[in-house]
Protein backbone atom coordinates (compact mmCIF):
# COMPACT_ATOMS: atom_id res chain seq x y z
CA UNK A 1 105.91 -104.85 69.14
CA UNK A 2 105.36 -101.90 71.15
CA UNK A 3 102.21 -101.42 73.45
CA UNK A 4 101.70 -104.94 72.90
CA UNK A 5 104.60 -107.28 74.06
CA UNK A 6 105.28 -105.31 77.35
CA UNK A 7 101.54 -106.10 78.20
CA UNK A 8 101.81 -109.69 77.72
CA UNK A 9 105.26 -110.36 79.49
CA UNK A 10 104.93 -113.46 81.26
CA UNK A 11 107.51 -112.00 84.64
CA UNK A 12 105.15 -109.10 84.57
CA UNK A 13 101.82 -111.65 85.10
CA UNK A 14 103.43 -113.48 87.24
CA UNK A 15 104.21 -110.54 89.70
CA UNK A 16 100.49 -109.48 88.86
CA UNK A 17 99.56 -112.34 90.27
CA UNK A 18 101.19 -112.52 93.51
CA UNK A 19 99.53 -108.65 93.76
CA UNK A 20 96.53 -109.91 93.13
CA UNK A 21 96.90 -113.10 95.51
CA UNK A 22 97.92 -110.93 98.32
CA UNK A 23 95.47 -108.16 98.20
CA UNK A 24 92.29 -111.07 97.62
CA UNK A 25 90.62 -111.48 101.18
CA UNK A 26 90.19 -115.35 101.64
CA UNK A 27 87.09 -114.37 103.39
CA UNK A 28 85.14 -113.62 100.61
CA UNK A 29 84.36 -114.00 97.07
CA UNK A 30 85.02 -111.66 94.07
CA UNK A 31 82.88 -111.79 91.12
CA UNK A 32 84.38 -109.44 88.09
CA UNK A 33 82.26 -108.93 85.19
CA UNK A 34 84.06 -108.38 81.90
CA UNK A 35 80.93 -106.92 79.64
CA UNK A 36 83.35 -107.43 76.71
CA UNK A 37 83.97 -110.59 74.50
CA UNK A 38 87.06 -109.49 73.61
CA UNK A 39 88.28 -109.62 77.04
CA UNK A 40 86.98 -113.20 77.57
CA UNK A 41 89.00 -114.64 74.85
CA UNK A 42 92.29 -112.61 76.60
CA UNK A 43 91.34 -114.32 79.77
CA UNK A 44 91.05 -118.14 78.55
CA UNK A 45 93.69 -117.32 75.33
CA UNK A 46 96.17 -116.42 77.84
CA UNK A 47 95.22 -118.37 80.78
CA UNK A 48 94.22 -115.78 82.92
CA UNK A 49 91.94 -117.36 84.90
CA UNK A 50 94.53 -119.85 86.30
CA UNK A 51 96.34 -117.06 87.44
CA UNK A 52 93.57 -115.86 89.81
CA UNK A 53 93.32 -117.06 93.31
CA UNK A 54 90.08 -119.25 94.06
CA UNK A 55 88.12 -116.80 94.93
CA UNK A 56 88.08 -114.22 92.26
CA UNK A 57 85.72 -115.37 89.27
CA UNK A 58 85.21 -113.89 85.90
CA UNK A 59 81.39 -113.59 85.24
CA UNK A 60 81.39 -113.14 81.75
CA UNK A 61 78.65 -110.38 80.07
CA UNK A 62 76.78 -109.84 76.73
CA UNK A 63 79.52 -107.67 74.94
CA UNK A 64 79.49 -109.61 71.74
CA UNK A 65 77.53 -107.83 69.28
CA UNK A 66 76.45 -111.27 67.25
CA UNK A 67 75.81 -112.77 70.60
CA UNK A 68 73.09 -110.21 71.20
CA UNK A 69 71.13 -109.73 67.95
CA UNK A 70 68.02 -111.55 68.68
CA UNK A 71 67.29 -114.45 65.81
CA UNK A 72 64.21 -112.26 65.19
CA UNK A 73 66.82 -109.88 63.36
CA UNK A 74 68.41 -112.11 61.48
CA UNK A 75 65.12 -113.94 60.00
CA UNK A 76 63.94 -110.25 58.82
CA UNK A 77 67.62 -109.65 57.36
CA UNK A 78 67.13 -113.20 55.17
CA UNK A 79 63.53 -111.74 54.34
CA UNK A 80 64.92 -108.74 52.91
CA UNK A 81 67.66 -110.86 50.72
CA UNK A 82 64.73 -113.53 49.67
CA UNK A 83 61.46 -111.54 49.05
CA UNK A 84 62.65 -108.29 48.12
CA UNK A 85 65.88 -109.73 45.78
CA UNK A 86 68.15 -107.19 47.58
CA UNK A 87 72.49 -107.85 47.69
CA UNK A 88 72.48 -108.19 51.06
CA UNK A 89 76.19 -107.55 52.82
CA UNK A 90 77.16 -108.46 56.39
CA UNK A 91 80.38 -110.08 58.32
CA UNK A 92 81.74 -112.91 58.54
CA UNK A 93 80.37 -113.85 62.23
CA UNK A 94 76.77 -113.39 61.42
CA UNK A 95 76.81 -115.95 58.19
CA UNK A 96 76.55 -118.92 60.19
CA UNK A 97 74.53 -117.62 63.17
CA UNK A 98 71.21 -119.71 63.69
CA UNK A 99 68.36 -118.21 62.44
CA UNK A 100 64.40 -119.60 63.03
CA UNK A 101 63.82 -123.14 61.87
CA UNK A 102 67.54 -123.85 61.49
CA UNK A 103 68.20 -121.45 58.75
CA UNK A 104 70.84 -119.07 58.78
CA UNK A 105 72.15 -116.10 55.78
CA UNK A 106 75.12 -118.77 54.76
CA UNK A 107 72.09 -121.56 54.31
CA UNK A 108 70.18 -118.43 52.61
CA UNK A 109 72.84 -117.79 50.14
CA UNK A 110 73.54 -121.85 49.44
CA UNK A 111 69.86 -121.71 48.45
CA UNK A 112 69.69 -118.45 45.97
CA UNK A 113 69.74 -115.36 47.81
CA UNK A 114 72.80 -112.82 47.12
CA UNK A 115 74.25 -112.48 50.53
CA UNK A 116 77.84 -111.04 50.76
CA UNK A 117 80.55 -111.48 53.23
CA UNK A 118 82.07 -108.20 53.77
CA UNK A 119 85.08 -106.80 56.02
CA UNK A 120 84.15 -103.25 55.97
CA UNK A 121 81.06 -101.02 55.65
CA UNK A 122 83.29 -99.97 52.55
CA UNK A 123 82.95 -102.70 50.84
CA UNK A 124 79.25 -102.60 50.98
CA UNK A 125 79.69 -99.12 49.35
CA UNK A 126 81.82 -100.64 46.78
CA UNK A 127 79.41 -103.07 45.93
CA UNK A 128 76.68 -100.64 45.24
CA UNK A 129 79.00 -98.57 42.97
CA UNK A 130 79.81 -101.68 40.67
CA UNK A 131 76.10 -102.84 40.22
CA UNK A 132 73.68 -100.13 40.47
CA UNK A 133 71.08 -101.93 38.93
CA UNK A 134 71.36 -104.25 42.25
CA UNK A 135 69.55 -103.10 45.52
CA UNK A 136 72.60 -103.19 48.12
CA UNK A 137 71.73 -103.50 51.91
CA UNK A 138 74.44 -103.40 54.64
CA UNK A 139 73.10 -105.56 57.61
CA UNK A 140 75.07 -103.32 60.23
CA UNK A 141 75.59 -104.77 63.99
CA UNK A 142 78.03 -103.74 66.58
CA UNK A 143 78.04 -101.42 69.62
CA UNK A 144 79.11 -97.93 69.96
CA UNK A 145 82.81 -99.19 68.28
CA UNK A 146 81.87 -99.63 64.84
CA UNK A 147 78.57 -97.23 64.87
CA UNK A 148 80.69 -94.43 63.14
CA UNK A 149 81.82 -96.46 60.59
CA UNK A 150 78.14 -97.40 59.69
CA UNK A 151 77.45 -93.44 59.80
CA UNK A 152 80.59 -92.65 57.36
CA UNK A 153 78.98 -94.84 54.87
CA UNK A 154 75.75 -93.58 55.18
CA UNK A 155 76.86 -89.84 54.83
CA UNK A 156 79.08 -90.88 51.89
CA UNK A 157 75.78 -93.00 50.22
CA UNK A 158 74.07 -89.69 50.53
CA UNK A 159 76.88 -87.43 49.26
CA UNK A 160 77.52 -89.74 46.08
CA UNK A 161 73.44 -90.43 45.46
CA UNK A 162 73.83 -93.70 45.94
CA UNK A 163 70.27 -94.81 45.47
CA UNK A 164 70.80 -98.28 45.24
CA UNK A 165 72.44 -98.56 48.87
CA UNK A 166 70.59 -98.82 52.43
CA UNK A 167 70.87 -99.59 55.77
CA UNK A 168 69.53 -102.62 57.89
CA UNK A 169 70.57 -101.10 61.43
CA UNK A 170 71.20 -103.08 64.63
CA UNK A 171 73.48 -101.26 66.16
CA UNK A 172 73.09 -101.27 70.22
CA UNK A 173 74.19 -99.73 73.30
CA UNK A 174 76.29 -100.66 76.14
CA UNK A 175 75.47 -98.49 79.20
CA UNK A 176 71.62 -99.84 78.95
CA UNK A 177 72.55 -103.37 78.70
CA UNK A 178 74.67 -102.79 81.53
CA UNK A 179 72.16 -101.46 83.80
CA UNK A 180 69.70 -104.17 82.78
CA UNK A 181 72.35 -106.92 84.57
CA UNK A 182 72.82 -104.60 87.52
CA UNK A 183 69.44 -104.40 87.85
CA UNK A 184 68.80 -108.02 87.57
CA UNK A 185 71.48 -108.83 89.62
CA UNK A 186 69.95 -107.02 92.49
CA UNK A 187 66.92 -109.93 91.95
CA UNK A 188 69.35 -112.43 92.72
CA UNK A 189 70.09 -113.59 89.15
CA UNK A 190 73.49 -112.92 89.43
CA UNK A 191 75.43 -111.25 92.37
CA UNK A 192 78.27 -108.94 90.86
CA UNK A 193 81.01 -107.18 92.90
CA UNK A 194 82.88 -105.15 89.96
CA UNK A 195 82.72 -104.36 86.48
CA UNK A 196 85.74 -104.89 83.64
CA UNK A 197 84.54 -101.71 81.14
CA UNK A 198 84.94 -102.57 77.55
CA UNK A 199 88.01 -101.19 75.83
CA UNK A 200 87.00 -100.11 71.95
CA UNK A 201 83.72 -99.06 73.01
CA UNK A 202 85.30 -96.70 75.72
CA UNK A 203 87.54 -95.53 73.07
CA UNK A 204 84.43 -93.86 71.48
CA UNK A 205 82.10 -93.10 74.51
CA UNK A 206 84.50 -92.17 76.96
CA UNK A 207 84.55 -93.29 80.78
CA UNK A 208 82.15 -90.77 81.91
CA UNK A 209 78.91 -92.96 80.53
CA UNK A 210 79.84 -95.45 83.39
CA UNK A 211 79.48 -93.13 86.36
CA UNK A 212 75.84 -94.34 86.53
CA UNK A 213 77.07 -97.76 87.74
CA UNK A 214 78.87 -96.33 91.20
CA UNK A 215 76.34 -93.90 91.61
CA UNK A 216 73.03 -96.31 91.71
CA UNK A 217 74.62 -99.48 92.42
CA UNK A 218 77.71 -99.17 94.35
CA UNK A 219 79.75 -101.23 92.02
CA UNK A 220 82.97 -100.12 90.88
CA UNK A 221 84.30 -100.09 87.04
CA UNK A 222 87.63 -100.13 85.80
CA UNK A 223 87.87 -99.56 82.25
CA UNK A 224 90.30 -102.40 81.06
CA UNK A 225 92.73 -103.01 77.97
CA UNK A 226 92.67 -106.12 76.25
CA UNK A 227 95.56 -107.74 76.60
CA UNK A 228 96.20 -110.21 79.69
CA UNK A 229 98.59 -107.80 81.67
CA UNK A 230 95.46 -105.01 81.31
CA UNK A 231 92.93 -107.44 82.61
CA UNK A 232 95.23 -108.89 85.60
CA UNK A 233 95.83 -104.83 86.28
CA UNK A 234 92.45 -104.09 86.06
CA UNK A 235 91.02 -106.71 88.17
CA UNK A 236 93.60 -105.82 91.13
CA UNK A 237 92.39 -102.27 90.68
CA UNK A 238 88.80 -103.73 91.36
CA UNK A 239 89.60 -105.78 94.52
CA UNK A 240 91.43 -103.07 95.81
CA UNK A 241 88.51 -100.72 95.62
CA UNK A 242 85.76 -103.64 96.98
CA UNK A 243 88.37 -104.20 99.70
CA UNK A 244 87.86 -100.56 100.91
CA UNK A 245 84.21 -100.16 100.31
CA UNK A 246 84.81 -97.81 97.40
CA UNK A 247 82.65 -97.55 93.85
CA UNK A 248 84.34 -95.29 91.15
CA UNK A 249 85.10 -95.58 87.62
CA UNK A 250 88.98 -96.09 87.24
CA UNK A 251 90.73 -95.87 83.94
CA UNK A 252 93.11 -98.58 83.25
CA UNK A 253 93.63 -97.98 79.61
CA UNK A 254 94.70 -94.84 79.54
CA UNK A 255 96.55 -95.02 76.45
CA UNK A 256 93.42 -95.42 74.33
CA UNK A 257 90.56 -94.13 76.48
CA UNK A 258 89.80 -90.49 78.02
CA UNK A 259 86.74 -89.49 80.25
CA UNK A 260 85.06 -87.92 77.34
CA UNK A 261 85.84 -90.28 74.42
CA UNK A 262 85.96 -89.38 70.86
CA UNK A 263 83.68 -86.25 70.37
CA UNK A 264 83.86 -86.25 66.52
CA UNK A 265 82.71 -89.85 66.73
CA UNK A 266 79.96 -89.16 68.69
CA UNK A 267 78.64 -85.59 66.82
CA UNK A 268 79.03 -88.29 63.79
CA UNK A 269 76.59 -90.67 65.32
CA UNK A 270 74.09 -88.01 66.97
CA UNK A 271 73.38 -86.92 63.51
CA UNK A 272 72.97 -90.05 61.48
CA UNK A 273 71.02 -91.87 64.43
CA UNK A 274 68.48 -91.60 66.69
CA UNK A 275 67.53 -93.75 69.61
CA UNK A 276 65.10 -96.41 69.33
CA UNK A 277 62.17 -96.73 72.17
CA UNK A 278 62.94 -100.36 72.93
CA UNK A 279 65.00 -103.06 71.34
CA UNK A 280 65.34 -107.00 72.01
CA UNK A 281 68.83 -108.30 73.10
CA UNK A 282 69.35 -112.19 73.31
CA UNK A 283 69.33 -112.99 76.73
CA UNK A 284 68.13 -109.58 78.19
CA UNK A 285 64.65 -109.04 76.36
CA UNK A 286 63.53 -105.85 75.26
CA UNK A 287 65.53 -102.71 76.72
CA UNK A 288 64.46 -99.14 76.62
CA UNK A 289 66.48 -97.03 74.49
CA UNK A 290 69.01 -99.12 73.93
CA UNK A 291 69.60 -99.54 69.91
CA UNK A 292 69.91 -96.88 67.31
CA UNK A 293 67.89 -96.13 64.34
CA UNK A 294 68.55 -94.21 61.09
CA UNK A 295 67.43 -90.89 61.77
CA UNK A 296 64.79 -89.02 60.18
CA UNK A 297 67.06 -86.85 58.29
CA UNK A 298 68.54 -89.58 56.34
CA UNK A 299 65.44 -92.12 56.56
CA UNK A 300 65.49 -92.92 52.46
CA UNK A 301 68.79 -95.08 53.29
CA UNK A 302 67.08 -96.65 55.88
CA UNK A 303 66.13 -100.33 54.82
CA UNK A 304 63.58 -101.16 57.08
CA UNK A 305 61.71 -98.46 55.39
CA UNK A 306 62.77 -99.63 51.88
CA UNK A 307 61.85 -103.12 52.21
CA UNK A 308 59.63 -103.94 54.92
CA UNK A 309 59.39 -107.43 55.84
CA UNK A 310 57.03 -109.50 58.19
CA UNK A 311 57.60 -108.97 62.25
CA UNK A 312 59.44 -112.65 62.89
CA UNK A 313 59.75 -113.52 66.91
CA UNK A 314 62.54 -116.09 66.56
CA UNK A 315 62.59 -119.36 68.49
CA UNK A 316 65.88 -120.50 70.06
CA UNK A 317 66.74 -123.76 69.74
CA UNK A 318 66.11 -126.06 72.38
CA UNK A 319 68.51 -126.60 74.56
CA UNK A 320 70.63 -123.68 73.73
CA UNK A 321 71.41 -121.75 77.03
CA UNK A 322 73.02 -118.81 74.95
CA UNK A 323 70.81 -116.48 76.50
CA UNK A 324 71.59 -117.76 80.35
CA UNK A 325 75.71 -117.28 79.19
CA UNK A 326 75.25 -113.61 77.84
CA UNK A 327 73.55 -112.65 81.20
CA UNK A 328 76.29 -114.13 83.05
CA UNK A 329 74.12 -116.69 84.66
CA UNK A 330 76.01 -119.88 83.04
CA UNK A 331 79.21 -120.77 81.81
CA UNK A 332 79.26 -122.65 78.80
CA UNK A 333 80.43 -125.63 80.29
CA UNK A 334 76.57 -125.65 82.00
CA UNK A 335 74.81 -126.30 78.94
CA UNK A 336 74.43 -129.75 78.17
CA UNK A 337 74.67 -129.05 74.16
CA UNK A 338 78.18 -127.70 74.48
CA UNK A 339 81.05 -129.42 73.17
CA UNK A 340 78.77 -132.61 72.06
CA UNK A 341 75.59 -131.21 69.77
CA UNK A 342 77.09 -127.64 69.45
CA UNK A 343 80.46 -126.96 68.32
CA UNK A 344 82.28 -124.45 65.75
CA UNK A 345 81.09 -127.02 62.96
CA UNK A 346 77.51 -127.21 64.08
CA UNK A 347 76.61 -124.33 66.26
CA UNK A 348 73.73 -124.14 68.14
CA UNK A 349 73.84 -120.72 69.32
CA UNK A 350 75.45 -117.49 68.34
CA UNK A 351 77.72 -117.83 71.75
CA UNK A 352 79.87 -120.65 69.58
CA UNK A 353 79.70 -118.80 66.53
CA UNK A 354 81.03 -115.65 67.08
CA UNK A 355 84.57 -114.92 67.60
CA UNK A 356 83.72 -112.81 70.70
CA UNK A 357 81.30 -115.62 71.87
CA UNK A 358 82.26 -117.31 75.31
CA UNK A 359 81.10 -120.74 74.11
CA UNK A 360 83.98 -120.04 71.02
CA UNK A 361 86.46 -119.11 73.69
CA UNK A 362 86.21 -122.14 76.11
CA UNK A 363 86.55 -123.98 72.94
CA UNK A 364 89.24 -122.73 71.18
CA UNK A 365 91.36 -122.57 74.45
CA UNK A 366 90.02 -126.04 76.15
CA UNK A 367 88.22 -124.92 79.05
CA UNK A 368 85.42 -127.67 78.82
CA UNK A 369 88.66 -129.77 79.75
CA UNK A 370 88.61 -127.84 83.00
CA UNK A 371 88.38 -130.69 86.07
CA UNK A 372 91.70 -131.70 85.76
CA UNK A 373 93.38 -128.42 84.55
CA UNK A 374 91.37 -126.48 87.90
CA UNK A 375 93.02 -128.46 90.51
CA UNK A 376 96.45 -127.00 89.22
CA UNK A 377 95.18 -123.55 90.11
CA UNK A 378 97.82 -121.95 92.50
CA UNK A 379 99.84 -124.96 92.13
CA UNK A 380 102.12 -124.21 89.44
CA UNK A 381 99.79 -123.65 86.77
CA UNK A 382 100.85 -120.07 86.89
CA UNK A 383 104.35 -121.02 85.16
CA UNK A 384 102.65 -122.68 82.23
CA UNK A 385 100.42 -119.81 81.76
CA UNK A 386 103.30 -117.25 81.64
CA UNK A 387 105.07 -118.98 79.16
CA UNK A 388 101.76 -119.07 77.14
CA UNK A 389 101.87 -114.98 77.16
CA UNK A 390 105.41 -114.91 76.34
CA UNK A 391 104.85 -117.15 73.18
CA UNK A 392 103.58 -116.09 69.95
CA UNK A 393 100.41 -115.40 70.04
CA UNK A 394 99.47 -116.90 66.62
CA UNK A 395 100.69 -120.68 67.95
CA UNK A 396 98.93 -123.43 69.74
CA UNK A 397 100.92 -123.85 73.18
CA UNK A 398 99.77 -126.50 76.17
CA UNK A 399 97.56 -123.67 77.44
CA UNK A 400 95.56 -123.15 74.16
CA UNK A 401 95.44 -126.49 72.59
CA UNK A 402 94.32 -126.19 68.97
CA UNK A 403 90.43 -127.13 68.43
CA UNK A 404 91.42 -130.47 67.02
CA UNK A 405 93.44 -131.21 69.91
CA UNK A 406 90.58 -130.26 72.08
CA UNK A 407 88.06 -132.46 70.49
CA UNK A 408 89.89 -135.32 71.01
CA UNK A 409 90.61 -134.79 74.33
CA UNK A 410 87.02 -134.67 74.83
């Protein structure tokens, strides 16, 4: 398929791997944070890390909207469904994320709450149209990528006078989270040399909002596409900037991202939403101006005002290191629960539940079997990885064992 197959070409991957090995200074380490969870899955699905020299390391960031949503917000959503009897509509990844007291949306649904899984904001609108006697609440989450569709749903409900529809808004913003991570890095929490900028978010906001990173922190940023060769080329671009002592924002994903992004989507967001003073992120704490709320002009569609519930503090499950994984301080395999108590069938934290979570990526693609496979880096592992890239994406391969194979091997 055009624009996909050529970015998964095994021969090109090996060529890029040689270029990266030649460019990487053996006297130093390169710590490159991929902010987006989609990049994390691409890196481990296609074995990109195995093609990197030993001194080039990918650090996983907080770019998974399900993962960064604090437990307290899930508690509030459950309370809306249980205490107010609303029909709560949300996306599949959220259904199994643990809430307080080992509860979850799925368990609340089993207990009698009307909680429904949807695939788009339009599904929630359709439910509201079909059941005018029910109050329907859209549990909206996501970064800037999914914010415009929520705005469209809100405007549609206003235009159609759907008085039984409202939105529990949990949309968060990328730049404030990135600034927090880099500020923390300056305090010795995690040292970073460069940033792989998110793909889909950047199609909306453009590359301009990242220009504060080189200006304020002296770190290069490369907006990277989602395919394995996108990630590899972006890593090479970062390494070259680092070697030259430069720091600027480059755009590798030119086929989809521009400097100014999507002005229509941005205007829609500005009309329907306004910044919150502060918002809690799992792993990062309360960050100023890091999330959106429904603007006053659309306040009648704000579920938080229509269905108030008591605030929840939420407590992480003891031993779960999801917050540290989201900050890039730990890898999933550093967590004592990973692969034993915590599995996709029995997740202890959001990072194992979400399709973009780092723990889910490690589990799905066998990264917890690292000790044996890591010794192969640079000694022939690349050829098997290149074969993986050339294989159909929906088929398991030797480099990406199925979950059952991984569990048996573990």
